[in-house]
Protein backbone atom coordinates (compact mmCIF):
# COMPACT_ATOMS: atom_id res chain seq x y z
CA MET A 1 5.95 -34.31 -26.17
CA VAL A 2 3.71 -31.77 -24.46
CA LEU A 3 2.02 -32.29 -21.09
CA ARG A 4 -1.35 -30.57 -20.85
CA SER A 5 -3.18 -29.23 -17.78
CA LEU A 6 -6.90 -29.34 -18.54
CA ASN A 7 -9.65 -27.95 -16.35
CA PRO A 8 -12.17 -30.84 -16.01
CA PHE A 9 -14.99 -28.43 -15.10
CA SER A 10 -14.70 -26.07 -18.07
CA GLY A 11 -12.69 -28.15 -20.52
CA GLU A 12 -10.25 -25.25 -20.80
CA VAL A 13 -6.57 -25.93 -21.47
CA LEU A 14 -4.89 -24.19 -18.55
CA GLU A 15 -1.30 -24.54 -19.68
CA GLU A 16 0.98 -26.73 -21.75
CA PHE A 17 4.40 -27.92 -20.64
CA ALA A 18 7.17 -29.01 -22.95
CA GLU A 19 8.69 -32.26 -21.77
CA TYR A 20 12.26 -32.02 -20.53
CA SER A 21 14.99 -33.30 -22.83
CA THR A 22 17.24 -36.19 -21.83
CA GLY A 23 20.07 -33.71 -21.48
CA LYS A 24 18.15 -31.53 -19.05
CA ILE A 25 17.09 -34.55 -17.02
CA ASP A 26 20.69 -35.70 -16.77
CA VAL A 27 21.74 -32.25 -15.55
CA LEU A 28 19.02 -32.25 -12.87
CA ILE A 29 19.99 -35.72 -11.70
CA GLN A 30 23.65 -34.70 -11.48
CA GLU A 31 22.70 -31.56 -9.58
CA SER A 32 20.65 -33.60 -7.13
CA SER A 33 23.66 -35.79 -6.43
CA LYS A 34 25.87 -32.77 -5.83
CA ALA A 35 23.26 -31.16 -3.58
CA PHE A 36 22.90 -34.39 -1.60
CA GLU A 37 26.61 -34.59 -0.83
CA GLU A 38 26.39 -31.24 0.96
CA TRP A 39 22.90 -31.67 2.39
CA LYS A 40 23.64 -34.96 4.13
CA ARG A 41 26.24 -33.17 6.25
CA THR A 42 23.87 -30.46 7.46
CA LYS A 43 22.52 -30.48 10.99
CA PHE A 44 18.97 -31.50 11.78
CA GLU A 45 18.34 -28.05 13.25
CA TYR A 46 19.05 -26.47 9.87
CA ARG A 47 16.82 -28.90 7.98
CA SER A 48 14.10 -28.32 10.56
CA SER A 49 14.28 -24.56 10.12
CA LEU A 50 13.78 -24.86 6.37
CA LEU A 51 10.79 -27.16 6.81
CA LYS A 52 9.30 -24.60 9.16
CA LYS A 53 9.69 -22.00 6.39
CA VAL A 54 7.91 -24.33 3.97
CA SER A 55 5.08 -24.69 6.48
CA SER A 56 4.77 -20.92 6.81
CA LEU A 57 4.68 -20.44 3.03
CA LEU A 58 1.94 -23.05 2.72
CA LEU A 59 -0.22 -21.51 5.43
CA GLU A 60 0.32 -17.91 4.30
CA ASN A 61 -0.53 -18.75 0.69
CA ALA A 62 -3.01 -21.61 1.09
CA GLY A 63 -5.60 -20.02 -1.18
CA GLU A 64 -3.07 -19.29 -3.91
CA PHE A 65 -1.80 -22.87 -3.95
CA ALA A 66 -5.29 -24.36 -3.61
CA ARG A 67 -6.72 -22.76 -6.73
CA PRO A 68 -4.54 -24.69 -9.23
CA ILE A 69 -5.37 -27.94 -7.40
CA THR A 70 -9.07 -27.35 -8.03
CA MET A 71 -8.54 -26.07 -11.55
CA GLU A 72 -6.33 -28.98 -12.62
CA MET A 73 -8.17 -31.94 -11.08
CA GLY A 74 -11.59 -30.67 -10.03
CA LYS A 75 -11.87 -31.12 -6.27
CA PRO A 76 -13.89 -28.49 -4.36
CA ILE A 77 -11.84 -25.44 -3.39
CA THR A 78 -12.53 -25.98 0.32
CA GLU A 79 -10.95 -29.44 0.09
CA SER A 80 -7.98 -28.02 -1.82
CA VAL A 81 -7.34 -25.43 0.89
CA ALA A 82 -7.53 -28.16 3.54
CA GLU A 83 -5.04 -30.24 1.54
CA VAL A 84 -2.50 -27.41 1.44
CA LYS A 85 -2.85 -26.86 5.19
CA LYS A 86 -2.35 -30.56 5.85
CA CYS A 87 0.97 -30.31 4.01
CA ALA A 88 2.05 -27.64 6.49
CA TRP A 89 1.18 -30.08 9.28
CA VAL A 90 3.50 -32.78 7.93
CA CYS A 91 6.29 -30.21 7.59
CA ASP A 92 5.90 -29.15 11.21
CA TYR A 93 5.65 -32.76 12.37
CA TYR A 94 8.96 -33.84 10.87
CA ALA A 95 10.64 -30.54 11.73
CA GLU A 96 9.81 -31.27 15.36
CA ASN A 97 10.36 -35.04 15.41
CA GLY A 98 12.75 -35.97 12.60
CA GLU A 99 15.96 -35.73 14.63
CA LYS A 100 14.47 -37.85 17.41
CA PHE A 101 13.30 -40.50 14.94
CA LEU A 102 16.79 -40.83 13.45
CA LYS A 103 18.82 -40.65 16.64
CA ALA A 104 21.42 -43.41 16.92
CA GLU A 105 20.22 -46.29 19.09
CA THR A 106 22.56 -48.05 21.49
CA VAL A 107 22.45 -51.85 21.37
CA VAL A 108 23.89 -54.14 24.02
CA SER A 109 26.15 -56.78 22.46
CA ASP A 110 29.54 -58.37 23.03
CA ALA A 111 31.18 -55.25 21.58
CA ASP A 112 32.61 -52.51 23.75
CA GLU A 113 30.22 -50.24 21.94
CA SER A 114 27.54 -50.99 19.37
CA TYR A 115 24.70 -48.98 17.97
CA VAL A 116 22.35 -48.55 15.04
CA PHE A 117 22.96 -45.45 12.95
CA TYR A 118 20.53 -44.01 10.40
CA GLU A 119 22.01 -42.27 7.37
CA PRO A 120 20.44 -41.01 4.12
CA LEU A 121 20.60 -42.99 0.88
CA GLY A 122 20.98 -40.26 -1.75
CA THR A 123 18.59 -39.12 -4.48
CA ILE A 124 15.07 -40.54 -4.16
CA LEU A 125 12.62 -40.50 -7.08
CA GLY A 126 9.00 -39.81 -6.18
CA ILE A 127 6.31 -40.78 -8.70
CA MET A 128 3.12 -39.09 -7.55
CA PRO A 129 -0.58 -39.07 -8.62
CA TRP A 130 -3.10 -36.36 -9.39
CA ASN A 131 -5.80 -37.02 -6.82
CA PHE A 132 -4.04 -35.25 -3.93
CA PRO A 133 -1.45 -33.34 -5.95
CA PHE A 134 0.07 -31.52 -2.97
CA TRP A 135 -0.41 -33.93 -0.07
CA GLN A 136 0.98 -37.02 -1.79
CA VAL A 137 4.16 -35.15 -2.71
CA PHE A 138 4.72 -33.64 0.72
CA ARG A 139 3.92 -36.92 2.47
CA PHE A 140 6.80 -38.50 0.55
CA ALA A 141 9.24 -35.62 0.18
CA VAL A 142 9.29 -34.07 3.65
CA PRO A 143 10.58 -37.09 5.62
CA ALA A 144 12.98 -37.95 2.80
CA LEU A 145 14.48 -34.46 2.92
CA MET A 146 14.54 -34.34 6.71
CA ALA A 147 16.48 -37.62 6.68
CA GLY A 148 19.13 -35.98 4.48
CA ASN A 149 18.14 -37.23 1.03
CA ALA A 150 17.65 -35.33 -2.22
CA VAL A 151 14.32 -35.60 -4.06
CA LEU A 152 13.31 -35.74 -7.70
CA LEU A 153 9.59 -35.46 -8.43
CA LYS A 154 7.84 -37.08 -11.39
CA HIS A 155 4.30 -35.80 -10.98
CA SER A 156 1.19 -36.78 -12.89
CA SER A 157 1.04 -35.19 -16.34
CA ASN A 158 -2.26 -33.37 -15.69
CA VAL A 159 -1.15 -31.45 -12.54
CA GLN A 160 2.02 -29.78 -13.72
CA ILE A 161 1.02 -26.36 -12.39
CA CYS A 162 0.85 -27.91 -8.93
CA ALA A 163 4.20 -29.61 -9.50
CA ARG A 164 5.81 -26.31 -10.48
CA ASN A 165 4.34 -24.58 -7.44
CA ILE A 166 5.67 -27.26 -5.10
CA GLU A 167 9.18 -26.90 -6.51
CA ARG A 168 8.87 -23.13 -6.09
CA ILE A 169 7.87 -23.50 -2.44
CA PHE A 170 11.00 -25.47 -1.56
CA THR A 171 13.16 -23.02 -3.46
CA GLU A 172 11.62 -19.98 -1.76
CA ALA A 173 12.02 -21.65 1.63
CA GLY A 174 15.78 -21.74 1.06
CA PHE A 175 16.44 -25.38 0.21
CA PRO A 176 19.72 -25.71 -1.72
CA GLU A 177 19.58 -25.69 -5.50
CA GLY A 178 19.10 -29.16 -6.92
CA LEU A 179 17.89 -30.73 -3.67
CA PHE A 180 14.24 -30.79 -4.78
CA SER A 181 13.57 -30.77 -8.52
CA ASN A 182 10.44 -31.34 -10.57
CA LEU A 183 10.88 -33.40 -13.73
CA VAL A 184 8.46 -32.44 -16.49
CA ILE A 185 8.16 -35.83 -18.17
CA GLY A 186 5.59 -38.40 -19.17
CA SER A 187 5.39 -41.90 -17.70
CA GLU A 188 7.34 -43.48 -20.56
CA ARG A 189 10.46 -41.61 -19.39
CA VAL A 190 10.47 -43.12 -15.89
CA LYS A 191 12.47 -46.20 -16.88
CA GLU A 192 15.58 -44.28 -17.88
CA ILE A 193 15.53 -42.35 -14.61
CA ILE A 194 15.13 -45.40 -12.38
CA GLU A 195 18.03 -47.05 -14.19
CA ASN A 196 20.33 -44.10 -13.51
CA ASP A 197 22.89 -45.07 -10.87
CA ILE A 198 22.40 -41.81 -8.97
CA ILE A 199 18.79 -42.77 -8.15
CA LYS A 200 18.99 -44.84 -4.97
CA ALA A 201 15.31 -45.60 -4.33
CA VAL A 202 11.80 -44.98 -5.64
CA SER A 203 8.51 -44.08 -3.95
CA LEU A 204 5.35 -44.48 -5.99
CA THR A 205 1.76 -43.65 -5.16
CA GLY A 206 -0.56 -44.84 -7.90
CA SER A 207 -2.34 -47.79 -9.43
CA SER A 208 -1.42 -51.42 -8.80
CA HIS A 209 -0.44 -51.78 -12.46
CA ALA A 210 1.95 -48.82 -12.28
CA GLY A 211 3.36 -50.12 -9.00
CA GLN A 212 4.12 -53.52 -10.44
CA LYS A 213 5.96 -52.00 -13.40
CA VAL A 214 8.01 -49.65 -11.22
CA ALA A 215 8.80 -52.39 -8.71
CA ALA A 216 10.09 -54.60 -11.53
CA LEU A 217 12.28 -51.80 -12.89
CA ALA A 218 13.68 -50.99 -9.45
CA GLY A 219 14.15 -54.65 -8.64
CA ASN A 220 16.19 -55.19 -11.78
CA LYS A 221 18.60 -52.57 -10.45
CA THR A 222 18.39 -53.80 -6.84
CA LYS A 223 16.94 -50.52 -5.65
CA LYS A 224 14.53 -50.07 -2.80
CA VAL A 225 10.95 -49.16 -3.71
CA LEU A 226 7.97 -48.08 -1.62
CA LEU A 227 4.54 -48.65 -3.13
CA GLU A 228 1.32 -47.01 -1.98
CA LEU A 229 -1.23 -48.38 -4.43
CA GLY A 230 -4.95 -48.81 -4.87
CA GLY A 231 -7.54 -49.86 -2.37
CA SER A 232 -11.06 -51.18 -2.05
CA ASN A 233 -11.63 -50.47 1.60
CA ALA A 234 -14.44 -52.26 3.40
CA PHE A 235 -16.71 -50.20 5.62
CA VAL A 236 -18.29 -52.76 7.93
CA VAL A 237 -21.34 -51.83 9.99
CA LEU A 238 -22.37 -54.33 12.66
CA GLU A 239 -25.83 -54.76 14.13
CA ASP A 240 -25.00 -52.82 17.32
CA ALA A 241 -23.52 -49.79 15.52
CA ASP A 242 -24.69 -46.21 15.83
CA VAL A 243 -26.34 -46.20 12.39
CA GLU A 244 -26.68 -42.42 12.13
CA LEU A 245 -22.99 -41.93 12.91
CA ALA A 246 -22.02 -44.73 10.53
CA VAL A 247 -23.99 -43.10 7.70
CA ALA A 248 -22.58 -39.62 8.31
CA THR A 249 -19.05 -41.00 8.44
CA GLY A 250 -19.62 -43.34 5.50
CA VAL A 251 -20.80 -40.58 3.18
CA ARG A 252 -17.64 -38.58 3.91
CA ALA A 253 -15.50 -41.69 3.57
CA ARG A 254 -16.89 -42.46 0.12
CA MET A 255 -17.66 -39.07 -1.41
CA MET A 256 -14.73 -36.88 -0.36
CA ASN A 257 -12.67 -35.78 -3.37
CA GLY A 258 -15.40 -37.22 -5.58
CA GLY A 259 -14.50 -40.69 -4.34
CA GLN A 260 -11.08 -40.38 -5.96
CA SER A 261 -9.02 -41.60 -3.05
CA CYS A 262 -7.15 -44.84 -2.49
CA ILE A 263 -8.33 -44.96 1.14
CA ALA A 264 -11.97 -44.11 0.41
CA ALA A 265 -14.59 -46.52 1.70
CA LYS A 266 -15.49 -48.44 -1.44
CA ARG A 267 -17.57 -51.39 -0.19
CA PHE A 268 -20.24 -50.93 2.49
CA ILE A 269 -20.85 -54.25 4.21
CA VAL A 270 -23.85 -53.92 6.50
CA HIS A 271 -25.39 -56.40 8.96
CA GLN A 272 -28.85 -57.47 7.82
CA ASP A 273 -30.51 -56.33 11.07
CA ILE A 274 -29.77 -52.66 10.40
CA SER A 275 -29.34 -52.74 6.62
CA LYS A 276 -32.73 -51.22 5.76
CA ARG A 277 -32.19 -48.26 8.08
CA PHE A 278 -28.63 -47.75 6.85
CA ILE A 279 -29.65 -47.77 3.19
CA GLU A 280 -32.51 -45.32 3.76
CA LEU A 281 -30.37 -42.83 5.67
CA PHE A 282 -27.40 -43.14 3.30
CA ALA A 283 -29.62 -42.56 0.27
CA GLU A 284 -31.16 -39.47 1.86
CA LYS A 285 -27.75 -38.10 2.76
CA ILE A 286 -26.11 -38.39 -0.65
CA LYS A 287 -29.12 -36.81 -2.34
CA THR A 288 -28.25 -33.59 -0.50
CA ILE A 289 -24.65 -33.37 -1.77
CA ARG A 290 -24.22 -30.10 -3.65
CA THR A 291 -22.48 -30.57 -6.99
CA GLY A 292 -21.29 -27.84 -9.30
CA ASN A 293 -18.42 -25.45 -9.96
CA PRO A 294 -15.57 -26.62 -7.69
CA MET A 295 -14.35 -23.04 -7.31
CA ASP A 296 -17.60 -22.18 -5.52
CA GLU A 297 -17.18 -22.58 -1.76
CA ILE A 298 -20.65 -24.08 -1.33
CA THR A 299 -19.87 -26.90 -3.79
CA GLU A 300 -19.34 -30.25 -2.07
CA MET A 301 -18.49 -32.25 -5.20
CA GLY A 302 -17.09 -31.07 -8.50
CA PRO A 303 -16.30 -33.05 -11.64
CA LEU A 304 -14.04 -36.04 -11.64
CA SER A 305 -10.48 -35.41 -12.79
CA SER A 306 -11.31 -36.00 -16.47
CA ILE A 307 -13.97 -37.24 -18.86
CA ARG A 308 -11.94 -40.41 -19.23
CA GLN A 309 -12.08 -41.01 -15.47
CA ALA A 310 -15.84 -40.45 -15.40
CA GLU A 311 -16.31 -42.83 -18.33
CA GLU A 312 -14.36 -45.54 -16.50
CA VAL A 313 -16.58 -45.22 -13.42
CA GLU A 314 -19.68 -45.23 -15.62
CA LYS A 315 -18.53 -48.44 -17.27
CA GLN A 316 -18.00 -50.14 -13.91
CA VAL A 317 -21.47 -49.14 -12.73
CA LEU A 318 -23.29 -50.13 -15.92
CA LEU A 319 -21.60 -53.52 -16.11
CA SER A 320 -22.49 -54.21 -12.48
CA VAL A 321 -26.11 -53.31 -13.23
CA GLU A 322 -26.09 -55.76 -16.14
CA MET A 323 -24.93 -58.39 -13.64
CA GLY A 324 -27.85 -57.70 -11.28
CA ALA A 325 -26.90 -54.73 -9.11
CA LYS A 326 -29.45 -51.95 -8.63
CA VAL A 327 -28.87 -48.19 -8.62
CA ILE A 328 -31.16 -46.69 -6.01
CA VAL A 329 -29.68 -43.17 -6.07
CA GLY A 330 -27.81 -41.48 -8.89
CA GLY A 331 -28.15 -40.25 -12.41
CA SER A 332 -26.11 -40.39 -15.58
CA ARG A 333 -22.68 -39.03 -16.42
CA ASP A 334 -22.42 -35.53 -17.90
CA GLY A 335 -18.95 -34.98 -19.33
CA ALA A 336 -16.53 -35.24 -16.43
CA PHE A 337 -19.37 -34.97 -13.91
CA PHE A 338 -20.52 -38.21 -12.32
CA PRO A 339 -23.30 -37.91 -9.73
CA PRO A 340 -23.13 -39.59 -6.32
CA VAL A 341 -24.44 -43.14 -6.73
CA MET A 342 -25.69 -45.74 -4.27
CA MET A 343 -26.13 -49.36 -5.31
CA THR A 344 -27.65 -52.41 -3.68
CA GLU A 345 -27.80 -56.13 -4.46
CA VAL A 346 -24.06 -56.03 -5.08
CA ARG A 347 -22.09 -59.24 -4.84
CA PRO A 348 -18.55 -60.51 -5.48
CA GLY A 349 -17.76 -60.81 -9.18
CA MET A 350 -19.21 -57.42 -10.04
CA PRO A 351 -16.82 -54.58 -10.97
CA VAL A 352 -18.08 -52.38 -8.14
CA PHE A 353 -17.15 -55.11 -5.68
CA ASP A 354 -13.98 -56.56 -7.19
CA GLU A 355 -12.31 -53.49 -8.68
CA GLU A 356 -11.17 -50.18 -7.29
CA VAL A 357 -13.89 -47.71 -8.26
CA PHE A 358 -12.28 -44.26 -8.35
CA GLY A 359 -15.45 -42.24 -8.19
CA PRO A 360 -18.51 -41.45 -6.00
CA VAL A 361 -20.12 -44.89 -6.06
CA ALA A 362 -21.30 -46.55 -2.84
CA PRO A 363 -22.15 -50.26 -3.22
CA VAL A 364 -23.98 -51.82 -0.26
CA ILE A 365 -23.64 -55.53 0.49
CA VAL A 366 -25.83 -57.07 3.18
CA ALA A 367 -24.17 -59.63 5.48
CA GLN A 368 -26.08 -62.22 7.50
CA ASP A 369 -23.68 -62.14 10.47
CA ILE A 370 -20.23 -61.02 11.62
CA ASP A 371 -18.47 -63.98 10.04
CA GLU A 372 -19.95 -63.26 6.63
CA ALA A 373 -19.19 -59.55 7.00
CA ILE A 374 -15.51 -60.27 7.67
CA SER A 375 -15.36 -62.80 4.84
CA LEU A 376 -16.82 -60.25 2.41
CA ALA A 377 -14.50 -57.52 3.65
CA ASN A 378 -11.45 -59.71 3.06
CA ASN A 379 -12.67 -60.92 -0.33
CA THR A 380 -10.44 -58.49 -2.23
CA LYS A 381 -6.98 -58.33 -3.79
CA PHE A 382 -6.39 -55.05 -1.94
CA GLY A 383 -5.39 -54.47 1.66
CA LEU A 384 -5.10 -50.78 2.39
CA GLY A 385 -7.59 -50.21 5.19
CA ALA A 386 -10.87 -51.19 6.79
CA THR A 387 -13.45 -49.44 8.92
CA LEU A 388 -15.53 -51.24 11.54
CA PHE A 389 -18.56 -49.65 13.21
CA THR A 390 -19.81 -51.09 16.50
CA ARG A 391 -20.64 -49.83 19.96
CA ASP A 392 -18.80 -52.79 21.52
CA ILE A 393 -15.16 -51.65 21.56
CA GLU A 394 -13.89 -54.84 23.18
CA LYS A 395 -15.50 -56.87 20.42
CA ALA A 396 -13.95 -54.54 17.87
CA LYS A 397 -10.50 -55.07 19.36
CA ARG A 398 -10.95 -58.84 19.16
CA LEU A 399 -11.90 -58.51 15.49
CA ILE A 400 -8.96 -56.31 14.44
CA PRO A 401 -6.65 -59.29 13.71
CA GLU A 402 -9.28 -60.66 11.31
CA PHE A 403 -8.54 -57.83 8.85
CA PRO A 404 -5.17 -58.25 7.07
CA ASP A 405 -5.11 -54.61 5.94
CA GLY A 406 -2.51 -51.96 6.66
CA ALA A 407 -4.96 -50.10 8.90
CA VAL A 408 -8.16 -50.74 10.81
CA PHE A 409 -10.21 -47.76 12.02
CA ILE A 410 -12.97 -48.27 14.57
CA ASN A 411 -15.98 -45.94 14.29
CA GLU A 412 -14.04 -43.61 11.99
CA LEU A 413 -13.11 -43.35 8.33
CA VAL A 414 -9.65 -44.46 7.24
CA LYS A 415 -7.42 -41.41 6.90
CA SER A 416 -3.75 -40.48 6.80
CA ASP A 417 -2.16 -38.66 9.72
CA PRO A 418 1.52 -37.65 10.02
CA ARG A 419 1.63 -39.27 13.47
CA LEU A 420 0.53 -42.70 12.22
CA PRO A 421 2.23 -45.02 9.69
CA PHE A 422 0.40 -45.36 6.39
CA GLY A 423 0.52 -48.20 3.86
CA GLY A 424 -1.09 -51.42 2.75
CA THR A 425 -0.80 -55.13 2.11
CA LYS A 426 -1.50 -57.40 -0.87
CA GLN A 427 -1.94 -55.37 -4.07
CA SER A 428 -2.20 -52.16 -2.07
CA GLY A 429 1.57 -52.15 -1.88
CA PHE A 430 4.32 -52.36 0.72
CA GLY A 431 6.41 -50.08 2.87
CA ARG A 432 5.12 -47.32 5.13
CA GLU A 433 4.88 -43.57 4.89
CA LEU A 434 4.53 -41.08 7.75
CA SER A 435 5.40 -41.35 11.45
CA VAL A 436 8.74 -42.83 12.53
CA GLN A 437 8.34 -45.75 10.12
CA GLY A 438 8.03 -43.39 7.15
CA ILE A 439 11.23 -41.45 7.75
CA ARG A 440 13.15 -44.70 8.17
CA GLU A 441 12.09 -46.08 4.77
CA PHE A 442 14.77 -44.19 2.85
CA VAL A 443 17.76 -44.47 5.12
CA ASN A 444 20.59 -46.93 5.50
CA ILE A 445 20.08 -48.67 8.83
CA LYS A 446 23.74 -49.08 9.65
CA THR A 447 25.11 -51.38 12.35
CA VAL A 448 28.18 -50.03 14.13
CA TYR A 449 30.35 -52.42 16.19
CA ILE A 450 33.36 -51.15 18.12
CA ARG A 451 36.04 -53.23 19.89
CA LYS A 452 38.39 -51.05 21.92
C-alpha cells in the first residue's frame, strides 16, 4: 500500500510513501522497547536539555517546517508558522516543569514512610490527525517523553511529510535511536500494533468513531487509552455581552484553520435581545475573510484538507437547508474550497446542529432566555468545550457548573494551552493532555509503603 500526500490547493501529488512491512514495524517496536529501558533511567535534567534543543530547532526552522503543513493540508502559511512555534512552547514548558510534576509526593499514613512515585509505562502509541499535524503530535509526545516513555507515531496518511519531519527533529535534537519513531502505515494496521505486548498505552486524537474502535482494541488488551475526539462547541452570547467583541472572537473561533478544529465554535447560541445585531456584524465580518492560495501570507483561509472533506461539509449544509435552515452568507463549493458560511433558523435535528461540522460553517440559533441557551448548548453528544459571553462575570461563574464540558471559557474562544489541562466528556473522549494532568496520564502512579 502507498500513502499519498496531496496538495489540496493545487491537486498536486507531493510525495508517495511505501507502507512499512510487518517486519520493519516489528523491528521499530523492539527498538523502542530497548531505547525505553535506557531512557527511563536518565535524569530529568538530561531529558529537559534535549527538549530545549527540540524547541530551538522548531524556532530556528519554523518556516521550513510550516511549508509542508500548508502544502499537505491547506491551512494558511501564517497559521502553520504559528503552529510550529506553539510546539516549541510545549517543549519549553515540560522542560521547565516536568521534573516538578513527577516529583515523589510524601503521604502521611501508618507507615514509617510512604509516598507516591511516578514512573514511566514504556512504549506509547500515538495516533494523530491531519488538522494540526505538528501540534497534536507534540502535545502528546513531549510529556510522554519527558516522563521517561518511548513514543511510536502513527500519523494521518495525508501528512506523511510532516510526520517524517517531526521524527527528524527529535533525531537531530539528540534523542536516542528508537525512542521516537514514525510508523508509515494506514489505519488498518493499527490493530496489530495495539495488540503487541510492548505497546503499553495508546493516545488518539481523531473522530469519535475512530476513538471507539481504538478504545475497544486497547480495552481487549487491558491497556490504557487517552481519547481526544470530536466536538460541537457551543458559543453562547447572553443579552448583556459585548456584541462586537463576541463577533470578533466568534469569527476566529469558527473560521481558524478553515473550521477544521475539534475545539472550534460550531454552534452560536445567541440571546434574542441581541441576536439581530450579532447576526448583522458576524455576516459582515466573514464576508471580509480573504480566501486563496494558502502559501500567500495575506490569505486568511485556504482550501479544506481535501475535496472529500469539502464534499462532506457541503452535504451537511445542503441537508440542513432542506430541513429549513437558511444560508445568509456563503457560496458554493469549488473543489476543496468551501467558502465561509453563516446560517440561521437552525434547530436541533439538523446536521449543522447535531453533527460535528469540520469546516467554516457558522450556524446561529436564537435562544429566548438563559435557560434555553444552556439547554441548547448541552443538547449534544459532545462535551469538549463551551464559550460564554457576558459582562457579568459573577453570573458567568454561577453558570459554569451548568456546562458538563471539559472546558468553559468566559469571553474567549476555547483553545489549548500547555499550562491548562485539555480534554472532553461524553463522546469528546476521556483523559487529559497538557499541564500536570497530561504528563501523569502515561505513568504508573506507584504507592510506596515502608515499615522500618
